[in-house]
Amino acid sequence: MFVTQIIHLLRRWRQYEANVRELSRLGDRELADIGINRSEIARVAWEGAE
C-alpha cells in the first residue's frame, strides 16, 4: 500500500514537472489565450497532473 502511494506520487510529480516545462515555454500572449497568466503555471500544472 505504502509503495503504491509513493509510486503514484512520483508519477504525479513527473507529470507536474512536464506540465510546468510545457507551459513555461509559452509566451504571455499564448498563456492569455488559454486563460492563465504566468503566476498560475504551478497551480495549473499540479491540477493537470491528477
C-alpha atoms as a PDB file:
ATOM      1  CA  MET A   1       0.000   0.000   0.000  1.00  0.00           C
ATOM      2  CA  PHE A   2       2.689   2.485   1.002  1.00  0.00           C
ATOM      3  CA  VAL A   3       4.853   1.661  -2.011  1.00  0.00           C
ATOM      4  CA  THR A   4       1.872   2.114  -4.316  1.00  0.00           C
ATOM      5  CA  GLN A   5       1.234   5.582  -2.884  1.00  0.00           C
ATOM      6  CA  ILE A   6       4.885   6.561  -3.345  1.00  0.00           C
ATOM      7  CA  ILE A   7       4.833   5.355  -6.964  1.00  0.00           C
ATOM      8  CA  HIS A   8       1.614   7.297  -7.610  1.00  0.00           C
ATOM      9  CA  LEU A   9       3.110  10.447  -6.099  1.00  0.00           C
ATOM     10  CA  LEU A  10       6.301  10.105  -8.158  1.00  0.00           C
ATOM     11  CA  ARG A  11       4.320   9.681 -11.365  1.00  0.00           C
ATOM     12  CA  ARG A  12       2.194  12.696 -10.499  1.00  0.00           C
ATOM     13  CA  TRP A  13       5.318  14.746  -9.729  1.00  0.00           C
ATOM     14  CA  ARG A  14       6.902  13.797 -13.066  1.00  0.00           C
ATOM     15  CA  GLN A  15       3.723  14.824 -14.886  1.00  0.00           C
ATOM     16  CA  TYR A  16       3.671  18.085 -12.921  1.00  0.00           C
ATOM     17  CA  GLU A  17       7.239  18.865 -13.970  1.00  0.00           C
ATOM     18  CA  ALA A  18       6.431  18.089 -17.611  1.00  0.00           C
ATOM     19  CA  ASN A  19       3.386  20.373 -17.429  1.00  0.00           C
ATOM     20  CA  VAL A  20       5.449  23.198 -15.916  1.00  0.00           C
ATOM     21  CA  ARG A  21       8.090  22.861 -18.646  1.00  0.00           C
ATOM     22  CA  GLU A  22       5.489  22.890 -21.382  1.00  0.00           C
ATOM     23  CA  LEU A  23       3.560  25.862 -20.002  1.00  0.00           C
ATOM     24  CA  SER A  24       6.745  27.801 -19.271  1.00  0.00           C
ATOM     25  CA  ARG A  25       7.737  27.584 -22.935  1.00  0.00           C
ATOM     26  CA  LEU A  26       4.624  29.502 -23.936  1.00  0.00           C
ATOM     27  CA  GLY A  27       4.702  33.248 -24.287  1.00  0.00           C
ATOM     28  CA  ASP A  28       2.495  35.578 -22.265  1.00  0.00           C
ATOM     29  CA  ARG A  29       0.143  36.025 -25.221  1.00  0.00           C
ATOM     30  CA  GLU A  30      -0.287  32.259 -25.670  1.00  0.00           C
ATOM     31  CA  LEU A  31      -0.899  31.808 -21.950  1.00  0.00           C
ATOM     32  CA  ALA A  32      -3.523  34.547 -22.056  1.00  0.00           C
ATOM     33  CA  ASP A  33      -5.187  32.757 -24.967  1.00  0.00           C
ATOM     34  CA  ILE A  34      -5.722  29.692 -22.785  1.00  0.00           C
ATOM     35  CA  GLY A  35      -6.863  31.794 -19.843  1.00  0.00           C
ATOM     36  CA  ILE A  36      -3.935  31.701 -17.440  1.00  0.00           C
ATOM     37  CA  ASN A  37      -1.087  34.015 -16.543  1.00  0.00           C
ATOM     38  CA  ARG A  38       2.500  33.162 -15.721  1.00  0.00           C
ATOM     39  CA  SER A  39       1.945  33.258 -11.942  1.00  0.00           C
ATOM     40  CA  GLU A  40      -0.668  30.481 -12.254  1.00  0.00           C
ATOM     41  CA  ILE A  41       1.565  27.965 -14.040  1.00  0.00           C
ATOM     42  CA  ALA A  42       2.421  25.947 -10.905  1.00  0.00           C
ATOM     43  CA  ARG A  43      -1.213  25.614  -9.843  1.00  0.00           C
ATOM     44  CA  VAL A  44      -2.468  24.717 -13.300  1.00  0.00           C
ATOM     45  CA  ALA A  45       0.368  22.228 -13.788  1.00  0.00           C
ATOM     46  CA  TRP A  46      -0.397  20.494 -10.476  1.00  0.00           C
ATOM     47  CA  GLU A  47      -4.119  20.299 -11.257  1.00  0.00           C
ATOM     48  CA  GLY A  48      -3.272  18.839 -14.660  1.00  0.00           C
ATOM     49  CA  ALA A  49      -1.073  16.176 -13.085  1.00  0.00           C
ATOM     50  CA  GLU A  50      -4.010  14.450 -11.376  1.00  0.00           C
END
